[in-house]
Amino acid sequence: MSSRITKAVIPAAGLGTRFLPATKAMPKEMLPVVDKPAIQYVVEEAVAAGLDDVLMIIGRNKNALANHFDRATELEHTLEVKGDGAKLSKVQESSDLADVHFVRQGDPKGLGHAVLRAKKHVGDQSFAVLLGDDLIDARDPLLTRMLDEHDKRGATIVALLEVDPASIHLYGAAAVEATDDPDVVRITGLVEKPAADVAPSNFAVIGRYVLRPEVFGVLEHTAPGKGGEIQLTDALMEMADDVEGTGGVYGVVFRGRRYDTGDKLDYIKAVIQLAADREDLGADLKPWLTEYVAGFDRG
């Protein structure tokens, strides 16, 4: 098993039904967050952590993803002729980011099945999995810390976020034990979307994982779980027992800025938050927001 992780897997086969009709003909991963599609933020995060080999697990009607990370020769030529170097640079940025590959999931059998589809590409190396609904602020690097912990402990690492206990039913919840680091815990159990009164903690699993290659063997015999799908959570629960010397599973507790684009309201919040922090937009947007919100009090 190579000690240097270079590969990232991004499951992107979902139908995006929460955003219909916008996602009727466009993948939800291509929805713009300010002026970049959500998926580009995720690839940029992987690359910033040193992962320049990216595999996307896609379904039908996802050609826009491949097009976005490919060269747009005609558009580039037009911008070059116009002398619009700034826009040309933005167009070329996505195609120069990483070595991006695609594989079809086929049947929508869950996140665990999507990860299993990466087996041939990943081989016997550890790898990262990044879910596109979670955008991590570039100023609060999470993936780099997770890769460091993987190297230090030789274990599978998941990202955890402390949430309001009333919201834990929206996530996978982790049972944890403390370690010598207050931001790292050992995971002793995982429950997918538990009711608040039976959740083992308020530590929620969010969409970043650094997985040892043994996960593929575990997923191959993981039975369908909640929703009739092959759940990555179930495989991680087995690995948490350090089956066959897999090193166990640890969680890095994330305390930075995270933007959820998984539903309409949180997506709108993400766009506003990121735009307000932009140097080219924030100075004009923040006063307008202040005035707009003040108008609520006036009716």
C-alpha atoms as a PDB file:
ATOM      1  CA  MET A   1       0.000   0.000   0.000  1.00  0.00           C
ATOM      2  CA  SER A   2       1.530   3.278  -1.119  1.00  0.00           C
ATOM      3  CA  SER A   3       2.055   5.851   1.654  1.00  0.00           C
ATOM      4  CA  ARG A   4       1.416   8.791  -0.656  1.00  0.00           C
ATOM      5  CA  ILE A   5      -2.231   9.137  -1.555  1.00  0.00           C
ATOM      6  CA  THR A   6      -2.856  10.666  -4.981  1.00  0.00           C
ATOM      7  CA  LYS A   7      -6.358   9.496  -5.867  1.00  0.00           C
ATOM      8  CA  ALA A   8      -9.718  11.035  -5.047  1.00  0.00           C
ATOM      9  CA  VAL A   9     -13.119   9.511  -5.782  1.00  0.00           C
ATOM     10  CA  ILE A  10     -16.157  11.757  -6.185  1.00  0.00           C
ATOM     11  CA  PRO A  11     -19.542  10.000  -6.357  1.00  0.00           C
ATOM     12  CA  ALA A  12     -21.744  12.026  -8.711  1.00  0.00           C
ATOM     13  CA  ALA A  13     -24.441   9.657  -9.912  1.00  0.00           C
ATOM     14  CA  GLY A  14     -27.397  11.109  -8.002  1.00  0.00           C
ATOM     15  CA  LEU A  15     -30.486  12.388  -9.799  1.00  0.00           C
ATOM     16  CA  GLY A  16     -30.730  15.648  -7.858  1.00  0.00           C
ATOM     17  CA  THR A  17     -34.496  15.356  -7.443  1.00  0.00           C
ATOM     18  CA  ARG A  18     -34.558  18.006  -4.688  1.00  0.00           C
ATOM     19  CA  PHE A  19     -33.668  20.614  -7.296  1.00  0.00           C
ATOM     20  CA  LEU A  20     -36.159  19.730  -9.993  1.00  0.00           C
ATOM     21  CA  PRO A  21     -36.913  21.138 -12.504  1.00  0.00           C
ATOM     22  CA  ALA A  22     -33.430  22.729 -12.623  1.00  0.00           C
ATOM     23  CA  THR A  23     -31.844  19.277 -12.646  1.00  0.00           C
ATOM     24  CA  LYS A  24     -34.128  17.792 -15.282  1.00  0.00           C
ATOM     25  CA  ALA A  25     -31.446  18.284 -17.949  1.00  0.00           C
ATOM     26  CA  MET A  26     -28.463  19.481 -15.876  1.00  0.00           C
ATOM     27  CA  PRO A  27     -26.586  17.472 -13.227  1.00  0.00           C
ATOM     28  CA  LYS A  28     -27.030  18.872  -9.730  1.00  0.00           C
ATOM     29  CA  GLU A  29     -23.231  18.951  -9.436  1.00  0.00           C
ATOM     30  CA  MET A  30     -23.203  21.600 -12.160  1.00  0.00           C
ATOM     31  CA  LEU A  31     -25.476  24.011 -10.294  1.00  0.00           C
ATOM     32  CA  PRO A  32     -23.526  27.267  -9.952  1.00  0.00           C
ATOM     33  CA  VAL A  33     -22.252  28.396  -6.568  1.00  0.00           C
ATOM     34  CA  VAL A  34     -21.607  32.062  -7.354  1.00  0.00           C
ATOM     35  CA  ASP A  35     -19.718  31.597 -10.642  1.00  0.00           C
ATOM     36  CA  LYS A  36     -18.382  28.037 -10.494  1.00  0.00           C
ATOM     37  CA  PRO A  37     -20.272  24.749 -10.500  1.00  0.00           C
ATOM     38  CA  ALA A  38     -20.355  23.026  -7.128  1.00  0.00           C
ATOM     39  CA  ILE A  39     -18.306  20.104  -8.430  1.00  0.00           C
ATOM     40  CA  GLN A  40     -15.367  22.374  -9.263  1.00  0.00           C
ATOM     41  CA  TYR A  41     -15.032  23.447  -5.638  1.00  0.00           C
ATOM     42  CA  VAL A  42     -14.760  19.774  -4.668  1.00  0.00           C
ATOM     43  CA  VAL A  43     -12.097  19.012  -7.279  1.00  0.00           C
ATOM     44  CA  GLU A  44     -10.157  22.114  -6.243  1.00  0.00           C
ATOM     45  CA  GLU A  45     -10.207  20.894  -2.635  1.00  0.00           C
ATOM     46  CA  ALA A  46      -8.826  17.509  -3.676  1.00  0.00           C
ATOM     47  CA  VAL A  47      -6.070  19.101  -5.742  1.00  0.00           C
ATOM     48  CA  ALA A  48      -5.130  21.501  -2.923  1.00  0.00           C
ATOM     49  CA  ALA A  49      -4.572  18.433  -0.727  1.00  0.00           C
ATOM     50  CA  GLY A  50      -2.266  16.871  -3.329  1.00  0.00           C
ATOM     51  CA  LEU A  51      -4.792  14.554  -4.981  1.00  0.00           C
ATOM     52  CA  ASP A  52      -4.482  15.203  -8.703  1.00  0.00           C
ATOM     53  CA  ASP A  53      -5.960  11.898  -9.947  1.00  0.00           C
ATOM     54  CA  VAL A  54      -9.743  12.256  -9.710  1.00  0.00           C
ATOM     55  CA  LEU A  55     -12.314   9.593 -10.524  1.00  0.00           C
ATOM     56  CA  MET A  56     -15.967  10.624 -10.785  1.00  0.00           C
ATOM     57  CA  ILE A  57     -18.636   7.974 -10.405  1.00  0.00           C
ATOM     58  CA  ILE A  58     -21.455   9.107 -12.675  1.00  0.00           C
ATOM     59  CA  GLY A  59     -24.842   7.983 -13.932  1.00  0.00           C
ATOM     60  CA  ARG A  60     -26.802   8.690 -17.074  1.00  0.00           C
ATOM     61  CA  ASN A  61     -27.162  12.243 -18.395  1.00  0.00           C
ATOM     62  CA  LYS A  62     -23.969  13.432 -16.698  1.00  0.00           C
ATOM     63  CA  ASN A  63     -22.108  14.438 -19.854  1.00  0.00           C
ATOM     64  CA  ALA A  64     -21.969  18.052 -18.662  1.00  0.00           C
ATOM     65  CA  LEU A  65     -19.488  16.994 -15.979  1.00  0.00           C
ATOM     66  CA  ALA A  66     -17.076  15.564 -18.519  1.00  0.00           C
ATOM     67  CA  ASN A  67     -17.525  18.601 -20.753  1.00  0.00           C
ATOM     68  CA  HIS A  68     -16.754  20.995 -17.914  1.00  0.00           C
ATOM     69  CA  PHE A  69     -13.402  19.372 -17.152  1.00  0.00           C
ATOM     70  CA  ASP A  70     -12.516  18.966 -20.827  1.00  0.00           C
ATOM     71  CA  ARG A  71     -11.064  21.571 -23.176  1.00  0.00           C
ATOM     72  CA  ALA A  72     -13.547  23.937 -24.843  1.00  0.00           C
ATOM     73  CA  THR A  73     -11.457  24.605 -27.938  1.00  0.00           C
ATOM     74  CA  GLU A  74     -13.945  26.782 -29.832  1.00  0.00           C
ATOM     75  CA  LEU A  75     -14.768  28.920 -26.802  1.00  0.00           C
ATOM     76  CA  GLU A  76     -11.094  29.273 -25.905  1.00  0.00           C
ATOM     77  CA  HIS A  77     -10.263  30.356 -29.457  1.00  0.00           C
ATOM     78  CA  THR A  78     -13.055  32.946 -29.456  1.00  0.00           C
ATOM     79  CA  LEU A  79     -11.862  34.448 -26.164  1.00  0.00           C
ATOM     80  CA  GLU A  80      -8.276  34.431 -27.354  1.00  0.00           C
ATOM     81  CA  VAL A  81      -9.212  36.299 -30.552  1.00  0.00           C
ATOM     82  CA  LYS A  82     -11.123  38.856 -28.479  1.00  0.00           C
ATOM     83  CA  GLY A  83      -8.114  39.307 -26.248  1.00  0.00           C
ATOM     84  CA  ASP A  84     -10.182  38.453 -23.163  1.00  0.00           C
ATOM     85  CA  GLY A  85      -7.409  36.802 -21.178  1.00  0.00           C
ATOM     86  CA  ALA A  86      -9.251  36.921 -17.850  1.00  0.00           C
ATOM     87  CA  LYS A  87     -12.212  34.880 -19.074  1.00  0.00           C
ATOM     88  CA  LEU A  88      -9.917  32.567 -21.052  1.00  0.00           C
ATOM     89  CA  SER A  89      -8.026  31.796 -17.865  1.00  0.00           C
ATOM     90  CA  LYS A  90     -11.249  30.956 -16.036  1.00  0.00           C
ATOM     91  CA  VAL A  91     -12.356  28.626 -18.836  1.00  0.00           C
ATOM     92  CA  GLN A  92      -9.014  26.828 -18.903  1.00  0.00           C
ATOM     93  CA  GLU A  93      -8.785  26.562 -15.130  1.00  0.00           C
ATOM     94  CA  SER A  94     -11.171  23.616 -14.821  1.00  0.00           C
ATOM     95  CA  SER A  95      -9.578  21.606 -17.639  1.00  0.00           C
ATOM     96  CA  ASP A  96      -6.098  22.104 -16.176  1.00  0.00           C
ATOM     97  CA  LEU A  97      -7.010  21.272 -12.579  1.00  0.00           C
ATOM     98  CA  ALA A  98      -6.447  17.531 -12.454  1.00  0.00           C
ATOM     99  CA  ASP A  99      -6.396  14.263 -14.365  1.00  0.00           C
ATOM    100  CA  VAL A 100     -10.138  13.564 -14.273  1.00  0.00           C
ATOM    101  CA  HIS A 101     -11.604  10.141 -15.132  1.00  0.00           C
ATOM    102  CA  PHE A 102     -15.181   8.886 -15.270  1.00  0.00           C
ATOM    103  CA  VAL A 103     -16.863   5.545 -14.648  1.00  0.00           C
ATOM    104  CA  ARG A 104     -20.572   4.688 -14.694  1.00  0.00           C
ATOM    105  CA  GLN A 105     -22.250   3.398 -11.562  1.00  0.00           C
ATOM    106  CA  GLY A 106     -24.996   1.709 -13.555  1.00  0.00           C
ATOM    107  CA  ASP A 107     -27.582   0.709 -10.983  1.00  0.00           C
ATOM    108  CA  PRO A 108     -28.183   3.265  -8.203  1.00  0.00           C
ATOM    109  CA  LYS A 109     -27.359   0.945  -5.308  1.00  0.00           C
ATOM    110  CA  GLY A 110     -26.089   3.474  -2.818  1.00  0.00           C
ATOM    111  CA  LEU A 111     -22.885   5.212  -1.769  1.00  0.00           C
ATOM    112  CA  GLY A 112     -21.133   1.983  -0.854  1.00  0.00           C
ATOM    113  CA  HIS A 113     -21.797   0.594  -4.319  1.00  0.00           C
ATOM    114  CA  ALA A 114     -20.541   3.814  -5.921  1.00  0.00           C
ATOM    115  CA  VAL A 115     -17.287   3.595  -3.956  1.00  0.00           C
ATOM    116  CA  LEU A 116     -16.919  -0.062  -4.953  1.00  0.00           C
ATOM    117  CA  ARG A 117     -17.028   0.988  -8.613  1.00  0.00           C
ATOM    118  CA  ALA A 118     -13.678   2.716  -8.022  1.00  0.00           C
ATOM    119  CA  LYS A 119     -11.868  -0.527  -7.191  1.00  0.00           C
ATOM    120  CA  LYS A 120     -10.153  -1.061 -10.554  1.00  0.00           C
ATOM    121  CA  HIS A 121      -8.984   2.535 -10.769  1.00  0.00           C
ATOM    122  CA  VAL A 122      -7.739   2.769  -7.186  1.00  0.00           C
ATOM    123  CA  GLY A 123      -6.113  -0.658  -6.896  1.00  0.00           C
ATOM    124  CA  ASP A 124      -4.310  -1.384  -3.627  1.00  0.00           C
ATOM    125  CA  GLN A 125      -3.791   2.211  -2.559  1.00  0.00           C
ATOM    126  CA  SER A 126      -5.581   4.255   0.042  1.00  0.00           C
ATOM    127  CA  PHE A 127      -7.756   6.987  -1.434  1.00  0.00           C
ATOM    128  CA  ALA A 128     -10.042   9.863  -0.537  1.00  0.00           C
ATOM    129  CA  VAL A 129     -13.781  10.113  -1.134  1.00  0.00           C
ATOM    130  CA  LEU A 130     -15.369  13.550  -1.413  1.00  0.00           C
ATOM    131  CA  LEU A 131     -19.128  14.017  -1.597  1.00  0.00           C
ATOM    132  CA  GLY A 132     -20.263  16.946  -3.701  1.00  0.00           C
ATOM    133  CA  ASP A 133     -23.036  18.169  -1.391  1.00  0.00           C
ATOM    134  CA  ASP A 134     -20.490  19.296   1.211  1.00  0.00           C
ATOM    135  CA  LEU A 135     -18.290  22.242   0.271  1.00  0.00           C
ATOM    136  CA  ILE A 136     -15.404  22.871   2.663  1.00  0.00           C
ATOM    137  CA  ASP A 137     -14.059  26.406   2.832  1.00  0.00           C
ATOM    138  CA  ALA A 138     -10.556  26.551   1.347  1.00  0.00           C
ATOM    139  CA  ARG A 139      -9.460  28.634   4.342  1.00  0.00           C
ATOM    140  CA  ASP A 140     -10.220  25.719   6.692  1.00  0.00           C
ATOM    141  CA  PRO A 141      -8.418  22.728   5.180  1.00  0.00           C
ATOM    142  CA  LEU A 142      -9.956  19.471   6.340  1.00  0.00           C
ATOM    143  CA  LEU A 143      -8.764  16.909   3.833  1.00  0.00           C
ATOM    144  CA  THR A 144      -5.085  17.671   4.439  1.00  0.00           C
ATOM    145  CA  ARG A 145      -5.559  17.005   8.154  1.00  0.00           C
ATOM    146  CA  MET A 146      -7.348  13.745   7.385  1.00  0.00           C
ATOM    147  CA  LEU A 147      -4.529  12.606   5.097  1.00  0.00           C
ATOM    148  CA  ASP A 148      -2.004  13.420   7.838  1.00  0.00           C
ATOM    149  CA  GLU A 149      -3.950  11.348  10.358  1.00  0.00           C
ATOM    150  CA  HIS A 150      -4.179   8.457   7.898  1.00  0.00           C
ATOM    151  CA  ASP A 151      -0.403   8.514   7.487  1.00  0.00           C
ATOM    152  CA  LYS A 152       0.127   8.761  11.233  1.00  0.00           C
ATOM    153  CA  ARG A 153      -2.280   6.018  12.285  1.00  0.00           C
ATOM    154  CA  GLY A 154      -2.461   3.785   9.202  1.00  0.00           C
ATOM    155  CA  ALA A 155      -6.226   3.852   9.598  1.00  0.00           C
ATOM    156  CA  THR A 156      -9.362   4.824   7.747  1.00  0.00           C
ATOM    157  CA  ILE A 157     -10.338   8.410   8.579  1.00  0.00           C
ATOM    158  CA  VAL A 158     -13.764  10.048   8.373  1.00  0.00           C
ATOM    159  CA  ALA A 159     -14.773  13.668   8.902  1.00  0.00           C
ATOM    160  CA  LEU A 160     -17.061  14.427  11.829  1.00  0.00           C
ATOM    161  CA  LEU A 161     -19.090  17.496  12.692  1.00  0.00           C
ATOM    162  CA  GLU A 162     -20.835  18.197  15.976  1.00  0.00           C
ATOM    163  CA  VAL A 163     -24.466  18.981  15.158  1.00  0.00           C
ATOM    164  CA  ASP A 164     -27.602  19.843  17.082  1.00  0.00           C
ATOM    165  CA  PRO A 165     -28.854  16.496  18.455  1.00  0.00           C
ATOM    166  CA  ALA A 166     -32.251  17.282  16.923  1.00  0.00           C
ATOM    167  CA  SER A 167     -30.606  17.137  13.470  1.00  0.00           C
ATOM    168  CA  ILE A 168     -28.620  13.921  13.900  1.00  0.00           C
ATOM    169  CA  HIS A 169     -31.304  11.914  12.084  1.00  0.00           C
ATOM    170  CA  LEU A 170     -30.125  13.567   8.865  1.00  0.00           C
ATOM    171  CA  TYR A 171     -26.640  12.035   9.131  1.00  0.00           C
ATOM    172  CA  GLY A 172     -24.668   8.969   9.979  1.00  0.00           C
ATOM    173  CA  ALA A 173     -23.877   9.165  13.696  1.00  0.00           C
ATOM    174  CA  ALA A 174     -20.646   7.936  15.280  1.00  0.00           C
ATOM    175  CA  ALA A 175     -20.017   6.315  18.649  1.00  0.00           C
ATOM    176  CA  VAL A 176     -16.582   7.570  19.690  1.00  0.00           C
ATOM    177  CA  GLU A 177     -13.748   7.209  22.176  1.00  0.00           C
ATOM    178  CA  ALA A 178     -11.312  10.004  22.993  1.00  0.00           C
ATOM    179  CA  THR A 179      -7.672   9.917  21.900  1.00  0.00           C
ATOM    180  CA  ASP A 180      -4.668  11.994  22.924  1.00  0.00           C
ATOM    181  CA  ASP A 181      -5.816  14.643  20.411  1.00  0.00           C
ATOM    182  CA  PRO A 182      -9.025  16.597  21.181  1.00  0.00           C
ATOM    183  CA  ASP A 183      -9.796  16.871  17.463  1.00  0.00           C
ATOM    184  CA  VAL A 184      -9.362  13.145  16.749  1.00  0.00           C
ATOM    185  CA  VAL A 185     -11.564  10.357  18.089  1.00  0.00           C
ATOM    186  CA  ARG A 186     -11.630   6.608  17.641  1.00  0.00           C
ATOM    187  CA  ILE A 187     -14.873   5.422  16.119  1.00  0.00           C
ATOM    188  CA  THR A 188     -16.367   2.358  17.765  1.00  0.00           C
ATOM    189  CA  GLY A 189     -19.691   2.279  15.939  1.00  0.00           C
ATOM    190  CA  LEU A 190     -21.759   3.984  13.268  1.00  0.00           C
ATOM    191  CA  VAL A 191     -25.507   4.272  12.788  1.00  0.00           C
ATOM    192  CA  GLU A 192     -27.060   5.587   9.579  1.00  0.00           C
ATOM    193  CA  LYS A 193     -29.609   8.379  10.193  1.00  0.00           C
ATOM    194  CA  PRO A 194     -30.692   7.366  13.713  1.00  0.00           C
ATOM    195  CA  ALA A 195     -33.552   8.898  15.652  1.00  0.00           C
ATOM    196  CA  ALA A 196     -32.307  11.471  18.170  1.00  0.00           C
ATOM    197  CA  ASP A 197     -33.263   9.332  21.172  1.00  0.00           C
ATOM    198  CA  VAL A 198     -31.128   6.376  20.039  1.00  0.00           C
ATOM    199  CA  ALA A 199     -28.204   8.185  18.391  1.00  0.00           C
ATOM    200  CA  PRO A 200     -24.847   7.214  19.938  1.00  0.00           C
ATOM    201  CA  SER A 201     -23.658  10.856  19.889  1.00  0.00           C
ATOM    202  CA  ASN A 202     -24.133  14.148  18.090  1.00  0.00           C
ATOM    203  CA  PHE A 203     -20.994  13.536  16.006  1.00  0.00           C
ATOM    204  CA  ALA A 204     -22.258  13.456  12.433  1.00  0.00           C
ATOM    205  CA  VAL A 205     -20.329  11.934   9.547  1.00  0.00           C
ATOM    206  CA  ILE A 206     -19.916  14.491   6.769  1.00  0.00           C
ATOM    207  CA  GLY A 207     -18.846  13.930   3.200  1.00  0.00           C
ATOM    208  CA  ARG A 208     -15.090  13.412   3.457  1.00  0.00           C
ATOM    209  CA  TYR A 209     -13.363  10.039   3.879  1.00  0.00           C
ATOM    210  CA  VAL A 210      -9.829   8.690   3.576  1.00  0.00           C
ATOM    211  CA  LEU A 211     -10.222   4.967   3.043  1.00  0.00           C
ATOM    212  CA  ARG A 212      -7.797   2.093   3.117  1.00  0.00           C
ATOM    213  CA  PRO A 213      -8.125  -0.244   0.105  1.00  0.00           C
ATOM    214  CA  GLU A 214      -9.462  -3.030   2.325  1.00  0.00           C
ATOM    215  CA  VAL A 215     -12.789  -1.212   2.165  1.00  0.00           C
ATOM    216  CA  PHE A 216     -13.395  -2.796  -1.243  1.00  0.00           C
ATOM    217  CA  GLY A 217     -13.295  -6.327   0.157  1.00  0.00           C
ATOM    218  CA  VAL A 218     -15.667  -5.305   2.936  1.00  0.00           C
ATOM    219  CA  LEU A 219     -18.082  -3.630   0.514  1.00  0.00           C
ATOM    220  CA  GLU A 220     -18.155  -6.716  -1.696  1.00  0.00           C
ATOM    221  CA  HIS A 221     -19.872  -8.676   1.067  1.00  0.00           C
ATOM    222  CA  THR A 222     -21.840  -5.802   2.633  1.00  0.00           C
ATOM    223  CA  ALA A 223     -25.551  -6.555   2.370  1.00  0.00           C
ATOM    224  CA  PRO A 224     -28.013  -3.833   1.384  1.00  0.00           C
ATOM    225  CA  GLY A 225     -28.945  -1.786   4.420  1.00  0.00           C
ATOM    226  CA  LYS A 226     -31.151   1.239   5.029  1.00  0.00           C
ATOM    227  CA  GLY A 227     -33.184   2.102   1.943  1.00  0.00           C
ATOM    228  CA  GLY A 228     -32.197  -1.168   0.274  1.00  0.00           C
ATOM    229  CA  GLU A 229     -28.817   0.345  -0.663  1.00  0.00           C
ATOM    230  CA  ILE A 230     -25.254  -0.735   0.034  1.00  0.00           C
ATOM    231  CA  GLN A 231     -24.260   1.698   2.741  1.00  0.00           C
ATOM    232  CA  LEU A 232     -20.672   2.857   3.147  1.00  0.00           C
ATOM    233  CA  THR A 233     -21.555   3.396   6.809  1.00  0.00           C
ATOM    234  CA  ASP A 234     -22.139  -0.359   7.243  1.00  0.00           C
ATOM    235  CA  ALA A 235     -18.736  -1.169   5.751  1.00  0.00           C
ATOM    236  CA  LEU A 236     -17.019   1.388   7.964  1.00  0.00           C
ATOM    237  CA  MET A 237     -18.747  -0.067  11.016  1.00  0.00           C
ATOM    238  CA  GLU A 238     -17.169  -3.429  10.220  1.00  0.00           C
ATOM    239  CA  MET A 239     -13.767  -1.822   9.661  1.00  0.00           C
ATOM    240  CA  ALA A 240     -14.058  -0.001  12.982  1.00  0.00           C
ATOM    241  CA  ASP A 241     -13.574  -3.384  14.635  1.00  0.00           C
ATOM    242  CA  ASP A 242     -10.112  -3.512  12.975  1.00  0.00           C
ATOM    243  CA  VAL A 243     -11.101  -6.611  11.019  1.00  0.00           C
ATOM    244  CA  GLU A 244      -8.041  -8.325   9.553  1.00  0.00           C
ATOM    245  CA  GLY A 245      -5.709  -5.557  10.687  1.00  0.00           C
ATOM    246  CA  THR A 246      -7.346  -2.684   8.786  1.00  0.00           C
ATOM    247  CA  GLY A 247      -6.222  -0.198  11.423  1.00  0.00           C
ATOM    248  CA  GLY A 248      -9.663   0.730  12.678  1.00  0.00           C
ATOM    249  CA  VAL A 249     -11.558   3.936  11.899  1.00  0.00           C
ATOM    250  CA  TYR A 250     -10.824   7.365  13.335  1.00  0.00           C
ATOM    251  CA  GLY A 251     -12.680  10.635  13.027  1.00  0.00           C
ATOM    252  CA  VAL A 252     -11.272  14.123  12.563  1.00  0.00           C
ATOM    253  CA  VAL A 253     -13.626  16.641  14.168  1.00  0.00           C
ATOM    254  CA  PHE A 254     -14.066  19.569  11.801  1.00  0.00           C
ATOM    255  CA  ARG A 255     -14.606  22.982  13.372  1.00  0.00           C
ATOM    256  CA  GLY A 256     -14.306  25.141  10.260  1.00  0.00           C
ATOM    257  CA  ARG A 257     -16.648  26.514   7.630  1.00  0.00           C
ATOM    258  CA  ARG A 258     -18.785  24.046   5.692  1.00  0.00           C
ATOM    259  CA  TYR A 259     -21.457  24.813   3.116  1.00  0.00           C
ATOM    260  CA  ASP A 260     -24.242  22.315   2.502  1.00  0.00           C
ATOM    261  CA  THR A 261     -25.596  22.367  -1.050  1.00  0.00           C
ATOM    262  CA  GLY A 262     -27.777  19.300  -0.565  1.00  0.00           C
ATOM    263  CA  ASP A 263     -31.120  21.084  -0.421  1.00  0.00           C
ATOM    264  CA  LYS A 264     -32.551  24.326  -1.739  1.00  0.00           C
ATOM    265  CA  LEU A 265     -32.396  26.423   1.403  1.00  0.00           C
ATOM    266  CA  ASP A 266     -28.860  25.417   2.350  1.00  0.00           C
ATOM    267  CA  TYR A 267     -27.767  25.866  -1.265  1.00  0.00           C
ATOM    268  CA  ILE A 268     -29.032  29.463  -1.231  1.00  0.00           C
ATOM    269  CA  LYS A 269     -27.243  30.073   2.079  1.00  0.00           C
ATOM    270  CA  ALA A 270     -24.011  28.679   0.622  1.00  0.00           C
ATOM    271  CA  VAL A 271     -24.164  30.993  -2.392  1.00  0.00           C
ATOM    272  CA  ILE A 272     -24.777  34.036  -0.184  1.00  0.00           C
ATOM    273  CA  GLN A 273     -22.031  33.154   2.314  1.00  0.00           C
ATOM    274  CA  LEU A 274     -19.400  32.503  -0.330  1.00  0.00           C
ATOM    275  CA  ALA A 275     -20.345  35.565  -2.358  1.00  0.00           C
ATOM    276  CA  ALA A 276     -20.222  37.800   0.731  1.00  0.00           C
ATOM    277  CA  ASP A 277     -16.650  36.661   1.400  1.00  0.00           C
ATOM    278  CA  ARG A 278     -15.464  37.346  -2.131  1.00  0.00           C
ATOM    279  CA  GLU A 279     -13.183  40.360  -2.615  1.00  0.00           C
ATOM    280  CA  ASP A 280     -14.915  41.249  -5.887  1.00  0.00           C
ATOM    281  CA  LEU A 281     -18.473  40.913  -4.578  1.00  0.00           C
ATOM    282  CA  GLY A 282     -18.528  41.259  -0.802  1.00  0.00           C
ATOM    283  CA  ALA A 283     -18.061  45.026  -0.601  1.00  0.00           C
ATOM    284  CA  ASP A 284     -21.255  45.631  -2.586  1.00  0.00           C
ATOM    285  CA  LEU A 285     -23.225  42.596  -1.442  1.00  0.00           C
ATOM    286  CA  LYS A 286     -22.929  43.044   2.334  1.00  0.00           C
ATOM    287  CA  PRO A 287     -24.490  46.530   2.484  1.00  0.00           C
ATOM    288  CA  TRP A 288     -27.284  45.398   0.180  1.00  0.00           C
ATOM    289  CA  LEU A 289     -27.923  42.361   2.385  1.00  0.00           C
ATOM    290  CA  THR A 290     -28.018  44.552   5.493  1.00  0.00           C
ATOM    291  CA  GLU A 291     -30.557  46.866   3.893  1.00  0.00           C
ATOM    292  CA  TYR A 292     -32.605  43.989   2.525  1.00  0.00           C
ATOM    293  CA  VAL A 293     -32.800  42.221   5.888  1.00  0.00           C
ATOM    294  CA  ALA A 294     -33.651  45.471   7.660  1.00  0.00           C
ATOM    295  CA  GLY A 295     -36.648  45.708   5.378  1.00  0.00           C
ATOM    296  CA  PHE A 296     -38.152  42.631   7.053  1.00  0.00           C
ATOM    297  CA  ASP A 297     -38.697  44.645  10.222  1.00  0.00           C
ATOM    298  CA  ARG A 298     -40.479  47.337   8.251  1.00  0.00           C
ATOM    299  CA  GLY A 299     -42.842  44.794   6.729  1.00  0.00           C
END
